C-alpha cells in the first residue's frame, strides 16, 4: 500500500497482544477463530437491520485494501465491509447532529471516525455515504447516523483508489 493510499483507521483496529482473560474469543464464519481484546471492542446500541449485534471489532482485510471488516462479536455470521469515508472521499464532511455526537461521547465531528459500509459485490464497489457509522476511538462507542442531507447511498469508489475489483478479492475475508 502506498503512502497516499487511504487506509483503515488503524487506531480503531485491535491490539496485537492481550492476556487471554482480557479477550473475547469467537468462532466467526467469515473471520475464523477470532480473539479480540476487550479494550478493542466497539459498542453500538444496535445498527439498523442488526439490532442484536452490539459488540463489534474492526479487522483488517486479508488482502491489502482500503477496506476493513466490522466483525460482529454477537453474531458469528455477520461482518460488514467498511472504509474510512473521509480518507477515501476528499471533501466528504457530513453534517453530524449534536445528538449523534452525544451518542458516541464526542465533543465535535473531528473526534469521530466516519466509516462507510461498502457493497463489494457491486462492480465497481460502492459505499453508503448517506448513513455512515460513527465511532469515537476513546469511548469505543459507535452509532449509525442517518443523515438528513442528500448524499449517495451507493457512491462508486473513486477512480484510482484501491478497490476489491475482482472476484477473488470479493471473496476475501477479515484477516485472522
Foldseek 3Di string as FASTA:
>chain_A
DDPLAAAAPVLLAADPDDPQVQWQWDQAPFAGTDIGGVLNWAAECAAVVGNPQGTWHWFQWQDDAQWIWTAGSRHSDDIFIKHQVCSQDPPLDADDDPVQCVQQPHPDPVQWGWIWTWDVVDVVIFTASQWTWIHGSVSSYIYTDRGPDDDHGGHGRDPPHDTLRDPVSVSTGGHD
